[in-house]
Amino acid sequence: MPEIAEVETVRNTLKNKILNKKIKEVKIIYPKIIETNLDEFKKVMKGNTFHDIKRIGKYLIFELDNHYLISHLRMEGKYFLKNSNEEILKHEHLIFTFTDNTDMRYHDTRKFGRMALVLKENLYDYEGIKKQGIEPIDDKLSKEYLYDKFKNKSIPMKTLLLDQTIISGLGNIYADEVLFEAQVNPFKLGKDITLSECAKIKSASKKIILKAIEEGGTTIRSYTSSLGVTGRFQQYLCVHKQEGKPCKICKTIIKKAKVNGRSTYYCEKCQNVK
C-alpha cells in the first residue's frame, strides 16, 4: 500500500509530467471508482486542466479550474503515463486523454481506489480530508498532541500509529520503523505511554518520513511505483520485512507478530518487548 512518502513521490513525478495539459476526453471503464455523479464528472473534466497537485495525508489533490479531483490509491492504485494509441490493459479503469494525445491512466488491480470531485471551497468538507490528523513532517505535531491522543486509549501503539485521524499518512511500513526508531513497544497500550516516549515518536516520525521522501519511498512487493521511479528507502528498513535477521543495533533477531490483524515487525530488546 502506498504511504505518505510514496504518495508524495507520485505527486512530484506527476507534477513534472501533466501540469497545464488540457484534458480532451475522459474514459470511465470501472464507474465504482468515481464517487461523483458520472455525468458531472465528465462535464467538469473535459476541457479542464491540471494546474497543480497537492497532497493531504495519503490523498492526492489535483487542482482544476474551479474544482479539486481527490484521489486515494488505497491498496494497489497507480497512475501510468502512456501514449493514447497504446492498448488499454485489463486493470486500467479510468483514462484521462490530453490534447497532445497522451494519457494519464489509473490502474488498480483490486479496484479499491476512489476519486471524487469537489468545489475548491468544499475541500475540507470531504469526509476523508476533514478527518485527517497532523502529518509526521508538520511542525504542529508535538509530544503534547500525541500524548493527549494516546493517553486514554486501551489500544496498542502500533494500531494508534495507523489511525489517520491522529497522524496522517503513516501506514504499516513506517509505523514499524517509527516505533523501532523511538524504541517503543508496538504492543504497549496508549494509556501506558509516557510524554518522553511521545517526544521520541514525534522525532522518529519526522526523521523517517523525510528520509523516505528523499529516497523516493519504499519499493517492495506490496507497492511498486508505476511512473519510472524506484523507491530506495527499503535499503534503510530496520525491522519491516526483516524477520529472522539480526537487529542492526543489538543483533537480536527481528520478530514478526500480528497486532489487530496487521503484520508487525520489531526488536524485542531495543523495543523492550517482554
C-alpha atoms as a PDB file:
ATOM      1  CA  MET A   1       0.000   0.000   0.000  1.00  0.00           C
ATOM      2  CA  PRO A   2       1.363   3.460  -0.823  1.00  0.00           C
ATOM      3  CA  GLU A   3       2.015   5.533   2.292  1.00  0.00           C
ATOM      4  CA  ILE A   4       2.814   9.217   2.696  1.00  0.00           C
ATOM      5  CA  ALA A   5       6.300   9.013   1.130  1.00  0.00           C
ATOM      6  CA  GLU A   6       5.096   7.010  -1.858  1.00  0.00           C
ATOM      7  CA  VAL A   7       2.136   9.335  -2.472  1.00  0.00           C
ATOM      8  CA  GLU A   8       4.468  12.331  -2.223  1.00  0.00           C
ATOM      9  CA  THR A   9       6.742  10.710  -4.804  1.00  0.00           C
ATOM     10  CA  VAL A  10       3.785  10.118  -7.143  1.00  0.00           C
ATOM     11  CA  ARG A  11       2.703  13.732  -6.646  1.00  0.00           C
ATOM     12  CA  ASN A  12       6.116  15.161  -7.504  1.00  0.00           C
ATOM     13  CA  THR A  13       6.535  12.886 -10.508  1.00  0.00           C
ATOM     14  CA  LEU A  14       3.093  13.692 -11.959  1.00  0.00           C
ATOM     15  CA  LYS A  15       3.668  17.423 -11.428  1.00  0.00           C
ATOM     16  CA  ASN A  16       6.600  17.224 -13.809  1.00  0.00           C
ATOM     17  CA  LYS A  17       4.550  15.381 -16.436  1.00  0.00           C
ATOM     18  CA  ILE A  18       0.926  16.545 -16.636  1.00  0.00           C
ATOM     19  CA  LEU A  19       0.537  20.113 -15.372  1.00  0.00           C
ATOM     20  CA  ASN A  20      -1.098  22.555 -17.796  1.00  0.00           C
ATOM     21  CA  LYS A  21      -2.107  19.820 -20.221  1.00  0.00           C
ATOM     22  CA  LYS A  22      -5.679  20.195 -21.457  1.00  0.00           C
ATOM     23  CA  ILE A  23      -7.992  17.206 -21.000  1.00  0.00           C
ATOM     24  CA  LYS A  24      -9.619  16.211 -24.280  1.00  0.00           C
ATOM     25  CA  GLU A  25     -11.560  13.171 -23.118  1.00  0.00           C
ATOM     26  CA  VAL A  26     -12.259  11.046 -20.053  1.00  0.00           C
ATOM     27  CA  LYS A  27     -12.986   7.349 -20.386  1.00  0.00           C
ATOM     28  CA  ILE A  28     -14.522   5.667 -17.335  1.00  0.00           C
ATOM     29  CA  ILE A  29     -14.194   1.898 -17.586  1.00  0.00           C
ATOM     30  CA  TYR A  30     -14.975   0.972 -13.965  1.00  0.00           C
ATOM     31  CA  PRO A  31     -17.509   3.544 -12.678  1.00  0.00           C
ATOM     32  CA  LYS A  32     -17.424   2.485  -8.995  1.00  0.00           C
ATOM     33  CA  ILE A  33     -14.063   4.212  -8.577  1.00  0.00           C
ATOM     34  CA  ILE A  34     -15.830   7.565  -9.066  1.00  0.00           C
ATOM     35  CA  GLU A  35     -17.815   8.848  -6.077  1.00  0.00           C
ATOM     36  CA  THR A  36     -19.158  11.834  -8.008  1.00  0.00           C
ATOM     37  CA  ASN A  37     -22.093  11.702 -10.434  1.00  0.00           C
ATOM     38  CA  LEU A  38     -20.572  10.353 -13.657  1.00  0.00           C
ATOM     39  CA  ASP A  39     -22.180  12.898 -15.998  1.00  0.00           C
ATOM     40  CA  GLU A  40     -20.985  15.754 -13.788  1.00  0.00           C
ATOM     41  CA  PHE A  41     -17.538  14.189 -13.572  1.00  0.00           C
ATOM     42  CA  LYS A  42     -17.156  14.007 -17.348  1.00  0.00           C
ATOM     43  CA  LYS A  43     -18.591  17.506 -17.832  1.00  0.00           C
ATOM     44  CA  VAL A  44     -16.160  19.091 -15.368  1.00  0.00           C
ATOM     45  CA  MET A  45     -13.092  17.170 -16.513  1.00  0.00           C
ATOM     46  CA  LYS A  46     -13.478  17.591 -20.282  1.00  0.00           C
ATOM     47  CA  GLY A  47     -11.634  20.720 -21.427  1.00  0.00           C
ATOM     48  CA  ASN A  48     -10.187  21.286 -17.961  1.00  0.00           C
ATOM     49  CA  THR A  49      -6.520  21.482 -16.957  1.00  0.00           C
ATOM     50  CA  PHE A  50      -4.484  20.177 -14.045  1.00  0.00           C
ATOM     51  CA  HIS A  51      -2.901  23.339 -12.604  1.00  0.00           C
ATOM     52  CA  ASP A  52      -1.244  21.800  -9.558  1.00  0.00           C
ATOM     53  CA  ILE A  53      -1.160  18.626  -7.475  1.00  0.00           C
ATOM     54  CA  LYS A  54      -1.252  18.822  -3.691  1.00  0.00           C
ATOM     55  CA  ARG A  55      -1.265  16.103  -1.041  1.00  0.00           C
ATOM     56  CA  ILE A  56      -3.067  15.706   2.283  1.00  0.00           C
ATOM     57  CA  GLY A  57      -2.007  12.535   4.090  1.00  0.00           C
ATOM     58  CA  LYS A  58      -2.389   9.724   1.551  1.00  0.00           C
ATOM     59  CA  TYR A  59      -4.761  11.755  -0.652  1.00  0.00           C
ATOM     60  CA  LEU A  60      -3.650  13.262  -3.963  1.00  0.00           C
ATOM     61  CA  ILE A  61      -5.404  16.565  -4.666  1.00  0.00           C
ATOM     62  CA  PHE A  62      -5.441  17.522  -8.365  1.00  0.00           C
ATOM     63  CA  GLU A  63      -6.231  21.227  -8.807  1.00  0.00           C
ATOM     64  CA  LEU A  64      -8.553  22.095 -11.717  1.00  0.00           C
ATOM     65  CA  ASP A  65     -10.126  25.425 -12.661  1.00  0.00           C
ATOM     66  CA  ASN A  66     -12.858  25.524 -10.020  1.00  0.00           C
ATOM     67  CA  HIS A  67     -12.648  22.039  -8.538  1.00  0.00           C
ATOM     68  CA  TYR A  68     -10.282  19.593  -6.908  1.00  0.00           C
ATOM     69  CA  LEU A  69     -10.078  15.979  -8.021  1.00  0.00           C
ATOM     70  CA  ILE A  70      -9.423  13.947  -4.868  1.00  0.00           C
ATOM     71  CA  SER A  71      -7.702  10.600  -5.403  1.00  0.00           C
ATOM     72  CA  HIS A  72      -6.940   7.892  -2.836  1.00  0.00           C
ATOM     73  CA  LEU A  73      -4.864   4.995  -4.164  1.00  0.00           C
ATOM     74  CA  ARG A  74      -5.845   2.601  -1.344  1.00  0.00           C
ATOM     75  CA  MET A  75      -4.082  -0.767  -1.669  1.00  0.00           C
ATOM     76  CA  GLU A  76      -2.952  -1.047  -5.275  1.00  0.00           C
ATOM     77  CA  GLY A  77      -3.820   2.171  -7.139  1.00  0.00           C
ATOM     78  CA  LYS A  78      -1.235   3.505  -9.601  1.00  0.00           C
ATOM     79  CA  TYR A  79      -1.015   6.096 -12.346  1.00  0.00           C
ATOM     80  CA  PHE A  80       0.537   5.336 -15.727  1.00  0.00           C
ATOM     81  CA  LEU A  81       1.506   7.884 -18.372  1.00  0.00           C
ATOM     82  CA  LYS A  82       1.158   6.493 -21.883  1.00  0.00           C
ATOM     83  CA  ASN A  83       0.572   7.443 -25.486  1.00  0.00           C
ATOM     84  CA  SER A  84      -3.127   7.416 -26.356  1.00  0.00           C
ATOM     85  CA  ASN A  85      -2.702   4.802 -29.081  1.00  0.00           C
ATOM     86  CA  GLU A  86      -1.357   2.194 -26.649  1.00  0.00           C
ATOM     87  CA  GLU A  87      -3.563  -0.770 -25.815  1.00  0.00           C
ATOM     88  CA  ILE A  88      -5.838  -0.363 -22.790  1.00  0.00           C
ATOM     89  CA  LEU A  89      -4.831  -3.020 -20.293  1.00  0.00           C
ATOM     90  CA  LYS A  90      -7.102  -5.109 -18.063  1.00  0.00           C
ATOM     91  CA  HIS A  91      -6.765  -3.115 -14.841  1.00  0.00           C
ATOM     92  CA  GLU A  92      -6.779   0.382 -16.350  1.00  0.00           C
ATOM     93  CA  HIS A  93     -10.107   1.698 -15.098  1.00  0.00           C
ATOM     94  CA  LEU A  94     -10.012   5.435 -15.811  1.00  0.00           C
ATOM     95  CA  ILE A  95      -8.259   7.250 -18.649  1.00  0.00           C
ATOM     96  CA  PHE A  96      -7.629  10.990 -18.963  1.00  0.00           C
ATOM     97  CA  THR A  97      -6.654  11.765 -22.551  1.00  0.00           C
ATOM     98  CA  PHE A  98      -4.872  15.076 -23.148  1.00  0.00           C
ATOM     99  CA  THR A  99      -4.909  17.161 -26.314  1.00  0.00           C
ATOM    100  CA  ASP A 100      -1.316  16.116 -27.070  1.00  0.00           C
ATOM    101  CA  ASN A 101      -2.577  12.508 -27.421  1.00  0.00           C
ATOM    102  CA  THR A 102      -1.021  11.267 -24.207  1.00  0.00           C
ATOM    103  CA  ASP A 103      -2.942   9.613 -21.382  1.00  0.00           C
ATOM    104  CA  MET A 104      -2.863   9.507 -17.627  1.00  0.00           C
ATOM    105  CA  ARG A 105      -4.333   6.094 -16.802  1.00  0.00           C
ATOM    106  CA  TYR A 106      -5.493   4.945 -13.395  1.00  0.00           C
ATOM    107  CA  HIS A 107      -4.578   1.290 -12.822  1.00  0.00           C
ATOM    108  CA  ASP A 108      -5.924  -0.644  -9.832  1.00  0.00           C
ATOM    109  CA  THR A 109      -5.751  -4.425  -9.612  1.00  0.00           C
ATOM    110  CA  ARG A 110      -8.076  -4.645  -6.607  1.00  0.00           C
ATOM    111  CA  LYS A 111     -10.355  -1.718  -7.556  1.00  0.00           C
ATOM    112  CA  PHE A 112     -10.241  -0.255  -4.019  1.00  0.00           C
ATOM    113  CA  GLY A 113      -9.106   3.248  -5.033  1.00  0.00           C
ATOM    114  CA  ARG A 114     -11.576   6.127  -5.081  1.00  0.00           C
ATOM    115  CA  MET A 115     -11.887   9.556  -6.723  1.00  0.00           C
ATOM    116  CA  ALA A 116     -14.220  12.451  -6.114  1.00  0.00           C
ATOM    117  CA  LEU A 117     -14.728  15.965  -7.477  1.00  0.00           C
ATOM    118  CA  VAL A 118     -15.324  18.806  -5.016  1.00  0.00           C
ATOM    119  CA  LEU A 119     -15.556  22.548  -5.444  1.00  0.00           C
ATOM    120  CA  LYS A 120     -12.401  24.216  -4.156  1.00  0.00           C
ATOM    121  CA  GLU A 121     -14.181  25.862  -1.242  1.00  0.00           C
ATOM    122  CA  ASN A 122     -15.543  22.464  -0.140  1.00  0.00           C
ATOM    123  CA  LEU A 123     -12.242  20.561   0.030  1.00  0.00           C
ATOM    124  CA  TYR A 124     -12.203  20.325   3.811  1.00  0.00           C
ATOM    125  CA  ASP A 125     -15.830  19.221   3.902  1.00  0.00           C
ATOM    126  CA  TYR A 126     -14.882  15.994   2.122  1.00  0.00           C
ATOM    127  CA  GLU A 127     -15.226  13.219   4.686  1.00  0.00           C
ATOM    128  CA  GLY A 128     -11.782  11.674   4.289  1.00  0.00           C
ATOM    129  CA  ILE A 129      -9.966  15.012   4.250  1.00  0.00           C
ATOM    130  CA  LYS A 130     -11.656  16.599   7.246  1.00  0.00           C
ATOM    131  CA  LYS A 131     -10.787  13.612   9.449  1.00  0.00           C
ATOM    132  CA  GLN A 132      -7.050  13.732   8.753  1.00  0.00           C
ATOM    133  CA  GLY A 133      -4.719  14.197  11.699  1.00  0.00           C
ATOM    134  CA  ILE A 134      -1.386  16.031  11.674  1.00  0.00           C
ATOM    135  CA  GLU A 135       1.286  14.852   9.248  1.00  0.00           C
ATOM    136  CA  PRO A 136       4.609  13.467  10.545  1.00  0.00           C
ATOM    137  CA  ILE A 137       6.561  16.261   8.836  1.00  0.00           C
ATOM    138  CA  ASP A 138       4.290  19.057  10.086  1.00  0.00           C
ATOM    139  CA  ASP A 139       5.806  21.236  12.820  1.00  0.00           C
ATOM    140  CA  LYS A 140       2.385  21.199  14.512  1.00  0.00           C
ATOM    141  CA  LEU A 141       2.991  17.577  15.503  1.00  0.00           C
ATOM    142  CA  SER A 142       4.067  17.822  19.144  1.00  0.00           C
ATOM    143  CA  LYS A 143       4.677  15.430  22.010  1.00  0.00           C
ATOM    144  CA  GLU A 144       1.786  17.031  23.888  1.00  0.00           C
ATOM    145  CA  TYR A 145      -0.586  16.491  20.953  1.00  0.00           C
ATOM    146  CA  LEU A 146       0.381  12.817  20.724  1.00  0.00           C
ATOM    147  CA  TYR A 147       0.178  12.243  24.458  1.00  0.00           C
ATOM    148  CA  ASP A 148      -3.311  13.764  24.534  1.00  0.00           C
ATOM    149  CA  LYS A 149      -4.423  11.486  21.688  1.00  0.00           C
ATOM    150  CA  PHE A 150      -2.895   8.320  23.184  1.00  0.00           C
ATOM    151  CA  LYS A 151      -3.339   8.634  26.943  1.00  0.00           C
ATOM    152  CA  ASN A 152      -6.917   7.326  27.249  1.00  0.00           C
ATOM    153  CA  LYS A 153      -6.695   4.576  24.647  1.00  0.00           C
ATOM    154  CA  SER A 154      -6.584   0.869  25.543  1.00  0.00           C
ATOM    155  CA  ILE A 155      -5.238   0.195  22.062  1.00  0.00           C
ATOM    156  CA  PRO A 156      -1.720  -0.953  21.069  1.00  0.00           C
ATOM    157  CA  MET A 157       0.682   1.716  19.890  1.00  0.00           C
ATOM    158  CA  LYS A 158       1.087   0.045  16.504  1.00  0.00           C
ATOM    159  CA  THR A 159      -2.645   0.408  15.875  1.00  0.00           C
ATOM    160  CA  LEU A 160      -2.680   4.005  17.096  1.00  0.00           C
ATOM    161  CA  LEU A 161       0.084   4.974  14.693  1.00  0.00           C
ATOM    162  CA  LEU A 162      -2.054   3.651  11.841  1.00  0.00           C
ATOM    163  CA  ASP A 163      -5.010   5.841  12.887  1.00  0.00           C
ATOM    164  CA  GLN A 164      -5.145   8.541  10.190  1.00  0.00           C
ATOM    165  CA  THR A 165      -7.131  10.848  12.474  1.00  0.00           C
ATOM    166  CA  ILE A 166      -4.090  11.060  14.774  1.00  0.00           C
ATOM    167  CA  ILE A 167      -1.068  11.002  12.457  1.00  0.00           C
ATOM    168  CA  SER A 168      -1.927  11.452   8.791  1.00  0.00           C
ATOM    169  CA  GLY A 169      -0.086   9.364   6.222  1.00  0.00           C
ATOM    170  CA  LEU A 170       1.621   6.630   8.226  1.00  0.00           C
ATOM    171  CA  GLY A 171       0.960   3.053   7.147  1.00  0.00           C
ATOM    172  CA  ASN A 172       2.277  -0.345   8.123  1.00  0.00           C
ATOM    173  CA  ILE A 173       5.850   0.102   6.882  1.00  0.00           C
ATOM    174  CA  TYR A 174       6.585   3.416   8.522  1.00  0.00           C
ATOM    175  CA  ALA A 175       4.659   2.661  11.714  1.00  0.00           C
ATOM    176  CA  ASP A 176       7.031  -0.281  12.305  1.00  0.00           C
ATOM    177  CA  GLU A 177      10.075   1.827  11.535  1.00  0.00           C
ATOM    178  CA  VAL A 178       8.939   4.762  13.681  1.00  0.00           C
ATOM    179  CA  LEU A 179       8.313   2.549  16.709  1.00  0.00           C
ATOM    180  CA  PHE A 180      11.727   0.921  16.300  1.00  0.00           C
ATOM    181  CA  GLU A 181      13.489   4.271  15.931  1.00  0.00           C
ATOM    182  CA  ALA A 182      11.637   5.580  19.008  1.00  0.00           C
ATOM    183  CA  GLN A 183      12.348   2.334  20.915  1.00  0.00           C
ATOM    184  CA  VAL A 184       8.656   1.962  21.740  1.00  0.00           C
ATOM    185  CA  ASN A 185       6.965  -1.404  22.255  1.00  0.00           C
ATOM    186  CA  PRO A 186       4.359  -1.871  19.457  1.00  0.00           C
ATOM    187  CA  PHE A 187       2.137  -3.856  21.876  1.00  0.00           C
ATOM    188  CA  LYS A 188       2.148  -1.155  24.554  1.00  0.00           C
ATOM    189  CA  LEU A 189      -1.260   0.408  25.135  1.00  0.00           C
ATOM    190  CA  GLY A 190      -1.783   4.088  24.500  1.00  0.00           C
ATOM    191  CA  LYS A 191      -2.856   4.690  28.113  1.00  0.00           C
ATOM    192  CA  ASP A 192       0.561   3.464  29.279  1.00  0.00           C
ATOM    193  CA  ILE A 193       2.618   5.739  27.033  1.00  0.00           C
ATOM    194  CA  THR A 194       4.811   8.459  28.543  1.00  0.00           C
ATOM    195  CA  LEU A 195       5.359  12.029  27.421  1.00  0.00           C
ATOM    196  CA  SER A 196       9.027  11.274  26.760  1.00  0.00           C
ATOM    197  CA  GLU A 197       8.038   8.344  24.523  1.00  0.00           C
ATOM    198  CA  CYS A 198       5.676  10.648  22.627  1.00  0.00           C
ATOM    199  CA  ALA A 199       8.600  13.014  22.079  1.00  0.00           C
ATOM    200  CA  LYS A 200      10.596  10.125  20.609  1.00  0.00           C
ATOM    201  CA  ILE A 201       7.694   9.112  18.342  1.00  0.00           C
ATOM    202  CA  LYS A 202       7.353  12.710  17.122  1.00  0.00           C
ATOM    203  CA  SER A 203      11.061  12.959  16.282  1.00  0.00           C
ATOM    204  CA  ALA A 204      11.236   9.481  14.749  1.00  0.00           C
ATOM    205  CA  SER A 205       8.185  10.112  12.546  1.00  0.00           C
ATOM    206  CA  LYS A 206       9.637  13.275  11.061  1.00  0.00           C
ATOM    207  CA  LYS A 207      13.130  11.813  10.597  1.00  0.00           C
ATOM    208  CA  ILE A 208      11.940   8.626   8.885  1.00  0.00           C
ATOM    209  CA  ILE A 209       9.341  10.214   6.600  1.00  0.00           C
ATOM    210  CA  LEU A 210      11.700  12.960   5.440  1.00  0.00           C
ATOM    211  CA  LYS A 211      14.318  10.331   4.631  1.00  0.00           C
ATOM    212  CA  ALA A 212      11.745   8.137   2.872  1.00  0.00           C
ATOM    213  CA  ILE A 213      10.580  11.068   0.729  1.00  0.00           C
ATOM    214  CA  GLU A 214      14.203  11.900  -0.101  1.00  0.00           C
ATOM    215  CA  GLU A 215      14.703   8.287  -1.230  1.00  0.00           C
ATOM    216  CA  GLY A 216      11.531   8.211  -3.332  1.00  0.00           C
ATOM    217  CA  GLY A 217       9.564   5.984  -0.969  1.00  0.00           C
ATOM    218  CA  THR A 218       9.833   2.263  -0.369  1.00  0.00           C
ATOM    219  CA  THR A 219       9.557  -0.127  -3.311  1.00  0.00           C
ATOM    220  CA  ILE A 220       8.591  -3.565  -2.005  1.00  0.00           C
ATOM    221  CA  ARG A 221       6.344  -6.317  -3.298  1.00  0.00           C
ATOM    222  CA  SER A 222       3.157  -4.735  -1.906  1.00  0.00           C
ATOM    223  CA  TYR A 223       3.701  -1.424  -3.670  1.00  0.00           C
ATOM    224  CA  THR A 224       5.783  -0.512  -6.693  1.00  0.00           C
ATOM    225  CA  SER A 225       5.707   2.867  -8.410  1.00  0.00           C
ATOM    226  CA  SER A 226       4.378   2.953 -11.975  1.00  0.00           C
ATOM    227  CA  LEU A 227       5.979   6.222 -13.064  1.00  0.00           C
ATOM    228  CA  GLY A 228       9.550   5.132 -13.657  1.00  0.00           C
ATOM    229  CA  VAL A 229      10.558   5.873 -10.066  1.00  0.00           C
ATOM    230  CA  THR A 230      12.155   3.182  -7.942  1.00  0.00           C
ATOM    231  CA  GLY A 231      11.982   3.888  -4.216  1.00  0.00           C
ATOM    232  CA  ARG A 232      15.221   3.362  -2.333  1.00  0.00           C
ATOM    233  CA  PHE A 233      14.113   3.559   1.296  1.00  0.00           C
ATOM    234  CA  GLN A 234      13.832  -0.233   1.516  1.00  0.00           C
ATOM    235  CA  GLN A 235      17.629  -0.166   1.855  1.00  0.00           C
ATOM    236  CA  TYR A 236      17.190   1.612   5.184  1.00  0.00           C
ATOM    237  CA  LEU A 237      14.459  -0.581   6.698  1.00  0.00           C
ATOM    238  CA  CYS A 238      15.463  -1.755  10.160  1.00  0.00           C
ATOM    239  CA  VAL A 239      12.551  -4.014  11.118  1.00  0.00           C
ATOM    240  CA  HIS A 240       9.795  -4.076   8.490  1.00  0.00           C
ATOM    241  CA  LYS A 241      10.043  -7.326   6.476  1.00  0.00           C
ATOM    242  CA  GLN A 242      13.289  -8.101   8.325  1.00  0.00           C
ATOM    243  CA  GLU A 243      12.081 -11.019  10.449  1.00  0.00           C
ATOM    244  CA  GLY A 244      14.760 -13.606  11.089  1.00  0.00           C
ATOM    245  CA  LYS A 245      17.567 -11.114  10.520  1.00  0.00           C
ATOM    246  CA  PRO A 246      19.747  -9.628  13.292  1.00  0.00           C
ATOM    247  CA  CYS A 247      18.805  -6.185  14.592  1.00  0.00           C
ATOM    248  CA  LYS A 248      21.124  -3.533  13.164  1.00  0.00           C
ATOM    249  CA  ILE A 249      21.580  -2.096  16.654  1.00  0.00           C
ATOM    250  CA  CYS A 250      21.789  -5.015  19.106  1.00  0.00           C
ATOM    251  CA  LYS A 251      21.935  -8.109  16.833  1.00  0.00           C
ATOM    252  CA  THR A 252      18.794  -9.631  18.433  1.00  0.00           C
ATOM    253  CA  ILE A 253      16.743 -11.493  15.816  1.00  0.00           C
ATOM    254  CA  ILE A 254      13.872  -9.387  14.435  1.00  0.00           C
ATOM    255  CA  LYS A 255      10.463 -10.912  15.087  1.00  0.00           C
ATOM    256  CA  LYS A 256       7.076 -10.719  13.398  1.00  0.00           C
ATOM    257  CA  ALA A 257       3.649 -10.789  15.041  1.00  0.00           C
ATOM    258  CA  LYS A 258       0.089  -9.668  14.414  1.00  0.00           C
ATOM    259  CA  VAL A 259      -1.299  -6.561  16.096  1.00  0.00           C
ATOM    260  CA  ASN A 260      -5.022  -6.196  15.446  1.00  0.00           C
ATOM    261  CA  GLY A 261      -4.584  -8.191  12.260  1.00  0.00           C
ATOM    262  CA  ARG A 262      -1.627  -6.185  10.923  1.00  0.00           C
ATOM    263  CA  SER A 263       1.791  -7.742  10.442  1.00  0.00           C
ATOM    264  CA  THR A 264       4.187  -6.064  12.853  1.00  0.00           C
ATOM    265  CA  TYR A 265       7.973  -6.296  12.924  1.00  0.00           C
ATOM    266  CA  TYR A 266      10.069  -5.432  15.971  1.00  0.00           C
ATOM    267  CA  CYS A 267      13.218  -5.984  18.011  1.00  0.00           C
ATOM    268  CA  GLU A 268      12.214  -7.306  21.414  1.00  0.00           C
ATOM    269  CA  LYS A 269      15.390  -5.964  23.061  1.00  0.00           C
ATOM    270  CA  CYS A 270      15.523  -2.451  21.593  1.00  0.00           C
ATOM    271  CA  GLN A 271      11.755  -2.016  21.966  1.00  0.00           C
ATOM    272  CA  ASN A 272      11.505  -3.650  25.382  1.00  0.00           C
ATOM    273  CA  VAL A 273       9.051  -6.349  24.345  1.00  0.00           C
ATOM    274  CA  LYS A 274       8.749  -8.949  27.102  1.00  0.00           C
END
